[in-house]
C-alpha atoms as a PDB file:
ATOM      1  CA  UNK A   1       0.308   0.204   0.299  1.00  0.00           C
ATOM      2  CA  UNK A   2       1.691   3.279  -1.223  1.00  0.00           C
ATOM      3  CA  UNK A   3       1.818   5.557   1.965  1.00  0.00           C
ATOM      4  CA  UNK A   4      -0.364   8.398   0.473  1.00  0.00           C
ATOM      5  CA  UNK A   5      -2.789   5.611   0.764  1.00  0.00           C
ATOM      6  CA  UNK A   6      -2.408   5.377   4.283  1.00  0.00           C
ATOM      7  CA  UNK A   7      -2.389   8.690   5.310  1.00  0.00           C
ATOM      8  CA  UNK A   8      -4.861   9.390   3.606  1.00  0.00           C
ATOM      9  CA  UNK A   9      -6.680   6.794   5.796  1.00  0.00           C
ATOM     10  CA  UNK A  10      -4.685   8.326   8.930  1.00  0.00           C
ATOM     11  CA  UNK A  11      -6.434  10.973   8.438  1.00  0.00           C
ATOM     12  CA  UNK A  12      -9.435  10.027   7.924  1.00  0.00           C
ATOM     13  CA  UNK A  13      -9.569   8.077  10.919  1.00  0.00           C
ATOM     14  CA  UNK A  14      -8.635  11.357  12.795  1.00  0.00           C
ATOM     15  CA  UNK A  15     -10.930  13.572  11.872  1.00  0.00           C
ATOM     16  CA  UNK A  16     -13.734  12.690  13.883  1.00  0.00           C
ATOM     17  CA  UNK A  17     -11.415  12.200  17.333  1.00  0.00           C
ATOM     18  CA  UNK A  18     -10.597  15.921  16.354  1.00  0.00           C
ATOM     19  CA  UNK A  19     -13.997  16.729  15.457  1.00  0.00           C
ATOM     20  CA  UNK A  20     -15.395  15.528  19.375  1.00  0.00           C
ATOM     21  CA  UNK A  21     -12.723  16.914  20.859  1.00  0.00           C
ATOM     22  CA  UNK A  22     -13.089  20.225  19.839  1.00  0.00           C
ATOM     23  CA  UNK A  23     -16.511  19.905  20.589  1.00  0.00           C
ATOM     24  CA  UNK A  24     -15.627  18.680  23.695  1.00  0.00           C
ATOM     25  CA  UNK A  25     -13.518  21.797  24.642  1.00  0.00           C
ATOM     26  CA  UNK A  26     -16.032  24.490  23.057  1.00  0.00           C
ATOM     27  CA  UNK A  27     -18.515  23.601  24.950  1.00  0.00           C
ATOM     28  CA  UNK A  28     -16.062  23.219  28.492  1.00  0.00           C
ATOM     29  CA  UNK A  29     -15.386  26.760  27.460  1.00  0.00           C
ATOM     30  CA  UNK A  30     -18.500  27.093  27.073  1.00  0.00           C
ATOM     31  CA  UNK A  31     -19.912  26.104  30.352  1.00  0.00           C
ATOM     32  CA  UNK A  32     -17.110  27.842  32.052  1.00  0.00           C
ATOM     33  CA  UNK A  33     -18.143  31.563  30.332  1.00  0.00           C
ATOM     34  CA  UNK A  34     -21.771  30.696  31.492  1.00  0.00           C
ATOM     35  CA  UNK A  35     -20.819  29.589  34.892  1.00  0.00           C
ATOM     36  CA  UNK A  36     -19.185  32.985  35.337  1.00  0.00           C
ATOM     37  CA  UNK A  37     -22.507  34.295  34.373  1.00  0.00           C
ATOM     38  CA  UNK A  38     -24.278  33.063  36.987  1.00  0.00           C
ATOM     39  CA  UNK A  39     -21.658  33.341  39.504  1.00  0.00           C
ATOM     40  CA  UNK A  40     -22.089  36.920  38.705  1.00  0.00           C
ATOM     41  CA  UNK A  41     -25.672  37.290  38.309  1.00  0.00           C
ATOM     42  CA  UNK A  42     -26.175  35.018  42.035  1.00  0.00           C
ATOM     43  CA  UNK A  43     -22.999  36.557  43.935  1.00  0.00           C
ATOM     44  CA  UNK A  44     -24.011  40.341  42.795  1.00  0.00           C
ATOM     45  CA  UNK A  45     -28.653  39.578  43.839  1.00  0.00           C
ATOM     46  CA  UNK A  46     -27.344  38.222  47.536  1.00  0.00           C
ATOM     47  CA  UNK A  47     -24.884  41.454  47.549  1.00  0.00           C
ATOM     48  CA  UNK A  48     -28.206  43.590  47.192  1.00  0.00           C
ATOM     49  CA  UNK A  49     -30.011  41.727  48.898  1.00  0.00           C
ATOM     50  CA  UNK A  50     -27.614  42.347  51.652  1.00  0.00           C
ATOM     51  CA  UNK A  51     -27.261  45.796  51.493  1.00  0.00           C
ATOM     52  CA  UNK A  52     -30.811  46.436  51.815  1.00  0.00           C
ATOM     53  CA  UNK A  53     -30.887  45.025  55.162  1.00  0.00           C
ATOM     54  CA  UNK A  54     -30.362  48.708  56.172  1.00  0.00           C
ATOM     55  CA  UNK A  55     -32.890  49.151  55.300  1.00  0.00           C
ATOM     56  CA  UNK A  56     -35.699  50.826  58.145  1.00  0.00           C
ATOM     57  CA  UNK A  57     -38.429  53.545  58.484  1.00  0.00           C
ATOM     58  CA  UNK A  58     -37.723  53.618  62.044  1.00  0.00           C
ATOM     59  CA  UNK A  59     -34.486  55.619  62.734  1.00  0.00           C
ATOM     60  CA  UNK A  60     -34.728  53.853  66.795  1.00  0.00           C
ATOM     61  CA  UNK A  61     -33.218  50.416  64.985  1.00  0.00           C
ATOM     62  CA  UNK A  62     -30.874  51.273  63.374  1.00  0.00           C
ATOM     63  CA  UNK A  63     -27.578  50.473  64.164  1.00  0.00           C
ATOM     64  CA  UNK A  64     -26.949  51.881  67.932  1.00  0.00           C
ATOM     65  CA  UNK A  65     -24.566  53.069  70.075  1.00  0.00           C
ATOM     66  CA  UNK A  66     -23.335  50.193  72.613  1.00  0.00           C
ATOM     67  CA  UNK A  67     -22.581  47.253  69.094  1.00  0.00           C
ATOM     68  CA  UNK A  68     -21.535  48.211  66.082  1.00  0.00           C
ATOM     69  CA  UNK A  69     -23.153  44.883  64.818  1.00  0.00           C
ATOM     70  CA  UNK A  70     -26.184  45.179  66.660  1.00  0.00           C
ATOM     71  CA  UNK A  71     -28.457  46.663  63.799  1.00  0.00           C
ATOM     72  CA  UNK A  72     -32.686  45.597  63.340  1.00  0.00           C
ATOM     73  CA  UNK A  73     -32.624  44.319  59.765  1.00  0.00           C
ATOM     74  CA  UNK A  74     -35.244  44.739  57.403  1.00  0.00           C
ATOM     75  CA  UNK A  75     -36.178  40.859  55.940  1.00  0.00           C
ATOM     76  CA  UNK A  76     -38.666  41.835  53.049  1.00  0.00           C
ATOM     77  CA  UNK A  77     -36.792  44.817  51.616  1.00  0.00           C
ATOM     78  CA  UNK A  78     -33.840  41.678  51.529  1.00  0.00           C
ATOM     79  CA  UNK A  79     -35.876  39.323  49.881  1.00  0.00           C
ATOM     80  CA  UNK A  80     -37.423  42.278  47.169  1.00  0.00           C
ATOM     81  CA  UNK A  81     -33.707  43.241  46.048  1.00  0.00           C
ATOM     82  CA  UNK A  82     -32.565  39.809  46.196  1.00  0.00           C
ATOM     83  CA  UNK A  83     -35.482  38.477  43.322  1.00  0.00           C
ATOM     84  CA  UNK A  84     -35.078  41.984  41.883  1.00  0.00           C
ATOM     85  CA  UNK A  85     -31.334  41.754  40.803  1.00  0.00           C
ATOM     86  CA  UNK A  86     -31.809  37.994  39.704  1.00  0.00           C
ATOM     87  CA  UNK A  87     -34.941  39.058  37.975  1.00  0.00           C
ATOM     88  CA  UNK A  88     -32.745  41.507  36.466  1.00  0.00           C
ATOM     89  CA  UNK A  89     -29.503  39.707  35.823  1.00  0.00           C
ATOM     90  CA  UNK A  90     -31.482  36.734  34.080  1.00  0.00           C
ATOM     91  CA  UNK A  91     -33.874  38.811  31.795  1.00  0.00           C
ATOM     92  CA  UNK A  92     -36.792  37.715  33.567  1.00  0.00           C
ATOM     93  CA  UNK A  93     -37.694  41.013  35.046  1.00  0.00           C
ATOM     94  CA  UNK A  94     -40.905  40.985  32.701  1.00  0.00           C
ATOM     95  CA  UNK A  95     -41.602  37.326  32.221  1.00  0.00           C
ATOM     96  CA  UNK A  96     -43.649  35.622  34.919  1.00  0.00           C
ATOM     97  CA  UNK A  97     -42.794  32.126  33.510  1.00  0.00           C
ATOM     98  CA  UNK A  98     -39.129  32.762  34.026  1.00  0.00           C
ATOM     99  CA  UNK A  99     -39.022  34.027  36.734  1.00  0.00           C
ATOM    100  CA  UNK A 100     -41.884  31.015  38.680  1.00  0.00           C
ATOM    101  CA  UNK A 101     -38.425  28.798  37.381  1.00  0.00           C
ATOM    102  CA  UNK A 102     -35.662  30.250  38.206  1.00  0.00           C
ATOM    103  CA  UNK A 103     -37.204  30.242  42.437  1.00  0.00           C
ATOM    104  CA  UNK A 104     -37.093  26.184  41.347  1.00  0.00           C
ATOM    105  CA  UNK A 105     -33.599  26.686  41.672  1.00  0.00           C
ATOM    106  CA  UNK A 106     -32.981  29.024  45.005  1.00  0.00           C
ATOM    107  CA  UNK A 107     -33.875  26.288  48.363  1.00  0.00           C
ATOM    108  CA  UNK A 108     -32.681  28.157  50.358  1.00  0.00           C
ATOM    109  CA  UNK A 109     -31.677  31.967  51.563  1.00  0.00           C
ATOM    110  CA  UNK A 110     -30.828  32.641  55.217  1.00  0.00           C
ATOM    111  CA  UNK A 111     -30.847  36.187  57.108  1.00  0.00           C
ATOM    112  CA  UNK A 112     -28.255  36.645  59.426  1.00  0.00           C
ATOM    113  CA  UNK A 113     -29.148  39.033  62.089  1.00  0.00           C
ATOM    114  CA  UNK A 114     -27.552  39.819  64.854  1.00  0.00           C
ATOM    115  CA  UNK A 115     -29.313  38.307  67.175  1.00  0.00           C
ATOM    116  CA  UNK A 116     -31.007  35.356  65.303  1.00  0.00           C
ATOM    117  CA  UNK A 117     -31.391  34.256  61.888  1.00  0.00           C
ATOM    118  CA  UNK A 118     -34.332  34.230  59.431  1.00  0.00           C
ATOM    119  CA  UNK A 119     -34.496  31.299  57.465  1.00  0.00           C
ATOM    120  CA  UNK A 120     -36.570  31.949  53.260  1.00  0.00           C
ATOM    121  CA  UNK A 121     -37.670  28.417  51.530  1.00  0.00           C
ATOM    122  CA  UNK A 122     -40.527  26.082  50.481  1.00  0.00           C
ATOM    123  CA  UNK A 123     -43.211  25.108  52.997  1.00  0.00           C
ATOM    124  CA  UNK A 124     -46.655  24.353  53.020  1.00  0.00           C
ATOM    125  CA  UNK A 125     -49.698  27.132  52.843  1.00  0.00           C
ATOM    126  CA  UNK A 126     -53.012  27.466  53.302  1.00  0.00           C
ATOM    127  CA  UNK A 127     -54.714  29.595  50.383  1.00  0.00           C
ATOM    128  CA  UNK A 128     -57.744  31.683  50.676  1.00  0.00           C
ATOM    129  CA  UNK A 129     -59.501  28.913  49.854  1.00  0.00           C
ATOM    130  CA  UNK A 130     -58.403  26.548  52.047  1.00  0.00           C
ATOM    131  CA  UNK A 131     -56.170  24.761  49.698  1.00  0.00           C
ATOM    132  CA  UNK A 132     -52.934  24.082  50.534  1.00  0.00           C
ATOM    133  CA  UNK A 133     -50.143  25.667  48.336  1.00  0.00           C
ATOM    134  CA  UNK A 134     -46.220  25.423  48.528  1.00  0.00           C
ATOM    135  CA  UNK A 135     -44.406  28.619  48.472  1.00  0.00           C
ATOM    136  CA  UNK A 136     -41.250  30.325  49.305  1.00  0.00           C
ATOM    137  CA  UNK A 137     -42.501  31.676  52.724  1.00  0.00           C
ATOM    138  CA  UNK A 138     -40.430  33.797  55.510  1.00  0.00           C
ATOM    139  CA  UNK A 139     -40.264  31.591  58.422  1.00  0.00           C
ATOM    140  CA  UNK A 140     -40.148  33.118  62.235  1.00  0.00           C
ATOM    141  CA  UNK A 141     -36.391  34.674  63.357  1.00  0.00           C
ATOM    142  CA  UNK A 142     -34.447  31.731  65.139  1.00  0.00           C
ATOM    143  CA  UNK A 143     -32.527  32.900  67.961  1.00  0.00           C
ATOM    144  CA  UNK A 144     -29.037  31.314  68.275  1.00  0.00           C
ATOM    145  CA  UNK A 145     -29.956  29.879  72.237  1.00  0.00           C
ATOM    146  CA  UNK A 146     -28.003  27.548  73.948  1.00  0.00           C
ATOM    147  CA  UNK A 147     -28.655  25.191  77.326  1.00  0.00           C
ATOM    148  CA  UNK A 148     -25.613  23.842  79.825  1.00  0.00           C
ATOM    149  CA  UNK A 149     -25.591  21.085  81.552  1.00  0.00           C
ATOM    150  CA  UNK A 150     -26.397  22.958  84.274  1.00  0.00           C
ATOM    151  CA  UNK A 151     -29.853  23.784  82.123  1.00  0.00           C
ATOM    152  CA  UNK A 152     -28.544  27.151  82.232  1.00  0.00           C
ATOM    153  CA  UNK A 153     -30.306  29.086  78.939  1.00  0.00           C
ATOM    154  CA  UNK A 154     -27.754  32.057  77.013  1.00  0.00           C
ATOM    155  CA  UNK A 155     -28.646  33.648  73.845  1.00  0.00           C
ATOM    156  CA  UNK A 156     -26.083  34.428  72.230  1.00  0.00           C
ATOM    157  CA  UNK A 157     -25.876  37.608  69.744  1.00  0.00           C
ATOM    158  CA  UNK A 158     -22.837  38.576  66.950  1.00  0.00           C
ATOM    159  CA  UNK A 159     -20.821  39.594  69.481  1.00  0.00           C
ATOM    160  CA  UNK A 160     -20.387  39.308  73.151  1.00  0.00           C
ATOM    161  CA  UNK A 161     -23.358  40.787  74.070  1.00  0.00           C
ATOM    162  CA  UNK A 162     -25.336  37.430  75.934  1.00  0.00           C
ATOM    163  CA  UNK A 163     -28.629  36.947  77.429  1.00  0.00           C
ATOM    164  CA  UNK A 164     -28.303  34.649  80.129  1.00  0.00           C
ATOM    165  CA  UNK A 165     -31.101  32.349  82.337  1.00  0.00           C
ATOM    166  CA  UNK A 166     -28.757  31.301  85.382  1.00  0.00           C
ATOM    167  CA  UNK A 167     -31.446  28.086  86.398  1.00  0.00           C
ATOM    168  CA  UNK A 168     -29.802  29.209  90.151  1.00  0.00           C
ATOM    169  CA  UNK A 169     -31.130  32.070  90.992  1.00  0.00           C
ATOM    170  CA  UNK A 170     -34.099  31.713  88.643  1.00  0.00           C
ATOM    171  CA  UNK A 171     -32.905  35.479  87.271  1.00  0.00           C
ATOM    172  CA  UNK A 172     -32.012  36.822  83.321  1.00  0.00           C
ATOM    173  CA  UNK A 173     -28.508  38.391  82.625  1.00  0.00           C
ATOM    174  CA  UNK A 174     -28.586  40.815  79.908  1.00  0.00           C
ATOM    175  CA  UNK A 175     -24.739  42.088  78.739  1.00  0.00           C
ATOM    176  CA  UNK A 176     -21.844  41.407  77.288  1.00  0.00           C
ATOM    177  CA  UNK A 177     -20.072  38.330  78.610  1.00  0.00           C
ATOM    178  CA  UNK A 178     -17.109  40.054  81.049  1.00  0.00           C
ATOM    179  CA  UNK A 179     -20.119  42.119  82.696  1.00  0.00           C
ATOM    180  CA  UNK A 180     -22.576  39.822  83.606  1.00  0.00           C
ATOM    181  CA  UNK A 181     -19.925  36.850  84.698  1.00  0.00           C
ATOM    182  CA  UNK A 182     -19.906  38.760  88.093  1.00  0.00           C
ATOM    183  CA  UNK A 183     -23.187  38.149  88.427  1.00  0.00           C
ATOM    184  CA  UNK A 184     -23.410  34.443  86.567  1.00  0.00           C
ATOM    185  CA  UNK A 185     -20.708  32.660  89.403  1.00  0.00           C
ATOM    186  CA  UNK A 186     -22.982  29.407  88.354  1.00  0.00           C
ATOM    187  CA  UNK A 187     -22.535  30.182  84.799  1.00  0.00           C
ATOM    188  CA  UNK A 188     -18.973  27.865  83.522  1.00  0.00           C
ATOM    189  CA  UNK A 189     -19.183  29.690  80.367  1.00  0.00           C
ATOM    190  CA  UNK A 190     -19.575  32.975  81.095  1.00  0.00           C
ATOM    191  CA  UNK A 191     -16.250  32.818  83.183  1.00  0.00           C
ATOM    192  CA  UNK A 192     -14.330  31.399  80.386  1.00  0.00           C
ATOM    193  CA  UNK A 193     -13.458  33.963  77.223  1.00  0.00           C
ATOM    194  CA  UNK A 194     -11.889  31.778  75.124  1.00  0.00           C
ATOM    195  CA  UNK A 195     -14.671  28.566  75.334  1.00  0.00           C
ATOM    196  CA  UNK A 196     -17.718  31.902  76.087  1.00  0.00           C
ATOM    197  CA  UNK A 197     -16.414  32.872  71.776  1.00  0.00           C
ATOM    198  CA  UNK A 198     -15.888  28.873  71.068  1.00  0.00           C
ATOM    199  CA  UNK A 199     -19.681  27.738  71.983  1.00  0.00           C
ATOM    200  CA  UNK A 200     -20.572  30.851  70.461  1.00  0.00           C
ATOM    201  CA  UNK A 201     -20.036  30.361  67.067  1.00  0.00           C
ATOM    202  CA  UNK A 202     -20.529  26.806  67.149  1.00  0.00           C
ATOM    203  CA  UNK A 203     -23.901  26.816  68.422  1.00  0.00           C
ATOM    204  CA  UNK A 204     -24.869  29.201  66.233  1.00  0.00           C
ATOM    205  CA  UNK A 205     -23.104  27.574  62.554  1.00  0.00           C
ATOM    206  CA  UNK A 206     -24.953  23.940  64.243  1.00  0.00           C
ATOM    207  CA  UNK A 207     -27.715  25.513  63.913  1.00  0.00           C
ATOM    208  CA  UNK A 208     -27.706  27.101  60.764  1.00  0.00           C
ATOM    209  CA  UNK A 209     -26.587  24.409  59.368  1.00  0.00           C
ATOM    210  CA  UNK A 210     -29.653  21.511  60.961  1.00  0.00           C
ATOM    211  CA  UNK A 211     -32.525  23.520  60.071  1.00  0.00           C
ATOM    212  CA  UNK A 212     -30.737  24.160  56.000  1.00  0.00           C
ATOM    213  CA  UNK A 213     -30.056  20.853  56.340  1.00  0.00           C
ATOM    214  CA  UNK A 214     -33.989  20.080  56.966  1.00  0.00           C
ATOM    215  CA  UNK A 215     -35.343  22.615  54.845  1.00  0.00           C
ATOM    216  CA  UNK A 216     -33.324  21.341  51.751  1.00  0.00           C
ATOM    217  CA  UNK A 217     -34.392  17.736  52.482  1.00  0.00           C
ATOM    218  CA  UNK A 218     -37.772  18.625  52.773  1.00  0.00           C
ATOM    219  CA  UNK A 219     -37.464  21.054  48.667  1.00  0.00           C
ATOM    220  CA  UNK A 220     -36.357  17.589  47.447  1.00  0.00           C
ATOM    221  CA  UNK A 221     -39.664  16.052  48.366  1.00  0.00           C
ATOM    222  CA  UNK A 222     -40.925  19.838  46.591  1.00  0.00           C
ATOM    223  CA  UNK A 223     -38.439  19.742  43.191  1.00  0.00           C
ATOM    224  CA  UNK A 224     -40.518  15.890  42.125  1.00  0.00           C
ATOM    225  CA  UNK A 225     -43.775  17.774  41.885  1.00  0.00           C
ATOM    226  CA  UNK A 226     -42.300  19.738  40.005  1.00  0.00           C
ATOM    227  CA  UNK A 227     -40.289  17.684  37.578  1.00  0.00           C
ATOM    228  CA  UNK A 228     -36.874  18.080  38.608  1.00  0.00           C
ATOM    229  CA  UNK A 229     -34.878  15.390  38.714  1.00  0.00           C
ATOM    230  CA  UNK A 230     -31.703  16.602  41.072  1.00  0.00           C
ATOM    231  CA  UNK A 231     -31.693  15.995  45.043  1.00  0.00           C
ATOM    232  CA  UNK A 232     -30.430  19.229  46.463  1.00  0.00           C
ATOM    233  CA  UNK A 233     -28.046  18.731  48.976  1.00  0.00           C
ATOM    234  CA  UNK A 234     -26.597  21.476  51.921  1.00  0.00           C
ATOM    235  CA  UNK A 235     -22.659  21.980  49.618  1.00  0.00           C
ATOM    236  CA  UNK A 236     -19.790  21.784  52.152  1.00  0.00           C
ATOM    237  CA  UNK A 237     -18.570  24.780  53.660  1.00  0.00           C
ATOM    238  CA  UNK A 238     -15.385  24.589  55.600  1.00  0.00           C
ATOM    239  CA  UNK A 239     -15.325  26.158  58.580  1.00  0.00           C
ATOM    240  CA  UNK A 240     -13.397  29.003  57.826  1.00  0.00           C
ATOM    241  CA  UNK A 241     -16.530  30.343  55.188  1.00  0.00           C
ATOM    242  CA  UNK A 242     -18.413  29.462  58.377  1.00  0.00           C
ATOM    243  CA  UNK A 243     -17.030  32.081  60.779  1.00  0.00           C
ATOM    244  CA  UNK A 244     -16.689  34.346  57.760  1.00  0.00           C
ATOM    245  CA  UNK A 245     -20.453  33.857  57.169  1.00  0.00           C
ATOM    246  CA  UNK A 246     -21.342  34.831  61.088  1.00  0.00           C
ATOM    247  CA  UNK A 247     -18.748  37.614  61.695  1.00  0.00           C
ATOM    248  CA  UNK A 248     -21.918  39.733  60.519  1.00  0.00           C
ATOM    249  CA  UNK A 249     -25.263  40.400  59.825  1.00  0.00           C
ATOM    250  CA  UNK A 250     -25.697  39.393  55.782  1.00  0.00           C
ATOM    251  CA  UNK A 251     -27.369  36.984  53.739  1.00  0.00           C
ATOM    252  CA  UNK A 252     -25.872  33.764  52.808  1.00  0.00           C
ATOM    253  CA  UNK A 253     -28.260  32.198  49.203  1.00  0.00           C
ATOM    254  CA  UNK A 254     -28.115  28.486  47.309  1.00  0.00           C
ATOM    255  CA  UNK A 255     -28.629  27.793  43.607  1.00  0.00           C
ATOM    256  CA  UNK A 256     -28.723  24.477  42.749  1.00  0.00           C
ATOM    257  CA  UNK A 257     -30.081  22.032  39.846  1.00  0.00           C
ATOM    258  CA  UNK A 258     -29.676  24.969  37.608  1.00  0.00           C
ATOM    259  CA  UNK A 259     -29.653  23.407  33.792  1.00  0.00           C
ATOM    260  CA  UNK A 260     -25.825  24.417  32.398  1.00  0.00           C
ATOM    261  CA  UNK A 261     -24.162  22.939  28.984  1.00  0.00           C
ATOM    262  CA  UNK A 262     -24.156  19.355  29.787  1.00  0.00           C
ATOM    263  CA  UNK A 263     -23.744  19.685  33.729  1.00  0.00           C
ATOM    264  CA  UNK A 264     -26.265  21.995  36.489  1.00  0.00           C
ATOM    265  CA  UNK A 265     -25.535  24.495  37.517  1.00  0.00           C
ATOM    266  CA  UNK A 266     -24.376  24.622  41.679  1.00  0.00           C
ATOM    267  CA  UNK A 267     -23.525  27.780  43.225  1.00  0.00           C
ATOM    268  CA  UNK A 268     -23.258  29.769  47.086  1.00  0.00           C
ATOM    269  CA  UNK A 269     -22.674  32.925  48.182  1.00  0.00           C
ATOM    270  CA  UNK A 270     -22.713  35.382  50.667  1.00  0.00           C
ATOM    271  CA  UNK A 271     -22.878  38.921  50.875  1.00  0.00           C
ATOM    272  CA  UNK A 272     -21.882  40.916  54.482  1.00  0.00           C
ATOM    273  CA  UNK A 273     -24.667  44.225  54.874  1.00  0.00           C
ATOM    274  CA  UNK A 274     -21.426  46.825  54.961  1.00  0.00           C
ATOM    275  CA  UNK A 275     -23.363  48.485  57.478  1.00  0.00           C
ATOM    276  CA  UNK A 276     -19.832  49.554  59.241  1.00  0.00           C
ATOM    277  CA  UNK A 277     -17.998  51.788  56.468  1.00  0.00           C
ATOM    278  CA  UNK A 278     -15.064  49.575  56.245  1.00  0.00           C
ATOM    279  CA  UNK A 279     -12.141  49.855  54.465  1.00  0.00           C
ATOM    280  CA  UNK A 280     -11.720  48.980  50.965  1.00  0.00           C
ATOM    281  CA  UNK A 281      -8.088  47.053  49.135  1.00  0.00           C
ATOM    282  CA  UNK A 282      -7.152  48.286  45.697  1.00  0.00           C
ATOM    283  CA  UNK A 283      -5.395  45.697  43.701  1.00  0.00           C
ATOM    284  CA  UNK A 284      -2.567  47.009  41.026  1.00  0.00           C
ATOM    285  CA  UNK A 285      -0.218  46.732  38.631  1.00  0.00           C
ATOM    286  CA  UNK A 286       2.659  48.811  38.702  1.00  0.00           C
ATOM    287  CA  UNK A 287       3.149  49.749  35.198  1.00  0.00           C
ATOM    288  CA  UNK A 288       7.033  50.515  34.548  1.00  0.00           C
ATOM    289  CA  UNK A 289       7.220  46.432  36.037  1.00  0.00           C
ATOM    290  CA  UNK A 290       4.122  45.025  35.728  1.00  0.00           C
ATOM    291  CA  UNK A 291       4.359  43.373  38.782  1.00  0.00           C
ATOM    292  CA  UNK A 292       1.068  43.061  41.408  1.00  0.00           C
ATOM    293  CA  UNK A 293       0.843  45.682  44.330  1.00  0.00           C
ATOM    294  CA  UNK A 294      -2.352  46.404  46.572  1.00  0.00           C
ATOM    295  CA  UNK A 295      -3.082  48.846  48.633  1.00  0.00           C
ATOM    296  CA  UNK A 296      -6.005  50.414  51.238  1.00  0.00           C
ATOM    297  CA  UNK A 297      -8.908  52.883  48.992  1.00  0.00           C
ATOM    298  CA  UNK A 298      -7.943  55.582  52.532  1.00  0.00           C
ATOM    299  CA  UNK A 299      -3.498  55.967  51.072  1.00  0.00           C
ATOM    300  CA  UNK A 300      -5.389  55.353  46.969  1.00  0.00           C
ATOM    301  CA  UNK A 301      -3.713  58.631  46.677  1.00  0.00           C
ATOM    302  CA  UNK A 302      -0.467  58.496  47.277  1.00  0.00           C
ATOM    303  CA  UNK A 303      -0.288  55.700  43.988  1.00  0.00           C
ATOM    304  CA  UNK A 304      -0.737  58.308  40.645  1.00  0.00           C
ATOM    305  CA  UNK A 305      -2.278  56.933  37.343  1.00  0.00           C
ATOM    306  CA  UNK A 306       0.605  57.217  35.942  1.00  0.00           C
ATOM    307  CA  UNK A 307       2.451  54.854  37.791  1.00  0.00           C
ATOM    308  CA  UNK A 308      -0.046  51.951  38.928  1.00  0.00           C
ATOM    309  CA  UNK A 309      -3.215  50.557  37.286  1.00  0.00           C
ATOM    310  CA  UNK A 310      -6.007  49.505  39.555  1.00  0.00           C
ATOM    311  CA  UNK A 311      -7.370  46.023  38.330  1.00  0.00           C
ATOM    312  CA  UNK A 312      -9.114  44.951  41.141  1.00  0.00           C
ATOM    313  CA  UNK A 313     -11.521  46.491  44.088  1.00  0.00           C
ATOM    314  CA  UNK A 314     -10.789  43.733  47.223  1.00  0.00           C
ATOM    315  CA  UNK A 315     -12.625  43.398  50.845  1.00  0.00           C
ATOM    316  CA  UNK A 316      -9.434  41.767  52.614  1.00  0.00           C
ATOM    317  CA  UNK A 317      -5.424  41.486  52.404  1.00  0.00           C
ATOM    318  CA  UNK A 318      -6.007  38.719  52.493  1.00  0.00           C
ATOM    319  CA  UNK A 319      -8.289  38.298  49.189  1.00  0.00           C
ATOM    320  CA  UNK A 320      -5.208  40.103  47.369  1.00  0.00           C
ATOM    321  CA  UNK A 321      -3.076  38.275  48.468  1.00  0.00           C
ATOM    322  CA  UNK A 322      -4.595  34.971  47.404  1.00  0.00           C
ATOM    323  CA  UNK A 323      -4.935  36.412  44.300  1.00  0.00           C
ATOM    324  CA  UNK A 324      -1.095  37.411  43.793  1.00  0.00           C
ATOM    325  CA  UNK A 325      -0.916  41.151  44.893  1.00  0.00           C
ATOM    326  CA  UNK A 326       2.128  42.595  46.897  1.00  0.00           C
ATOM    327  CA  UNK A 327       0.773  44.653  50.053  1.00  0.00           C
ATOM    328  CA  UNK A 328       2.140  48.328  49.774  1.00  0.00           C
ATOM    329  CA  UNK A 329       3.186  50.742  52.516  1.00  0.00           C
ATOM    330  CA  UNK A 330       0.694  54.296  52.388  1.00  0.00           C
ATOM    331  CA  UNK A 331       3.772  55.267  53.912  1.00  0.00           C
ATOM    332  CA  UNK A 332       6.160  54.411  51.630  1.00  0.00           C
ATOM    333  CA  UNK A 333       4.992  53.151  48.158  1.00  0.00           C
ATOM    334  CA  UNK A 334       7.961  51.796  47.453  1.00  0.00           C
ATOM    335  CA  UNK A 335       8.650  50.065  50.686  1.00  0.00           C
ATOM    336  CA  UNK A 336       6.791  46.957  50.477  1.00  0.00           C
ATOM    337  CA  UNK A 337       5.110  45.035  53.702  1.00  0.00           C
ATOM    338  CA  UNK A 338       7.485  41.945  55.083  1.00  0.00           C
ATOM    339  CA  UNK A 339       4.955  39.807  56.609  1.00  0.00           C
END
């Protein structure tokens, strides 16, 4: 057989494989682009919802001096803002059918308040005709409650303020842990700052996880009735992310099972309400060297546009560092901070 014939046969055999490989690569690329778009839409919706939590008609419910985290959250505004941004980003602001479909892929939203949290998820209710229906409903506020081995009851907050019931004296106490510890010697947890902080965080996280697991499992029953074959589950969230989530008032939303090419879209997003103004971190590239640096926005005027080109804005130095940027000193721009 001539060499040319062998080459022709080889090319004929190879072409289908090349086509399938190219098609697979293109599909993966399109899926990745779609995932980035969806992530942006969900993240933006959560951030907008978190910002809306601080909208209060009653000024007396705004943040009080005793705690920077003590804020009355406006959950109804948060819900309205979340759906408004979701529908806008998915081009469904005027399409009730698409809106209904989108809602089926949101098994739960958590609104984290100062002294308790609200779950917004599918639940049954009676319509005006006394018929049972299911839709997203806001569950009653649940406190961050804890009972120790001596039947002492504590209601935690997002900081060290606590409401404690002393079972031995049958009295209630409210205030910072260190302040009421002297009045409650029979409540061991109030006497140990480190143990108090550890139990406080674990109580809040465990309560959130337990309720989310319950309602997401319940949501699977609802989803089957609407022809959604996907099994909704509580995603694995590491301890550091949970601790960051419960550090301040905010919103945690889950979007799962949405068709995306040959796979399904699964994402969860957290947004803080930004009730306390914090310095943001500017990430920039030095034009002369191409090196990546970050600095606080409060000293951004030190770095002229001729020398640095801002690329990103981060909420913390850790985020900027993880993205490959190096710190710059605001006092001396030429000095790289050594850690």
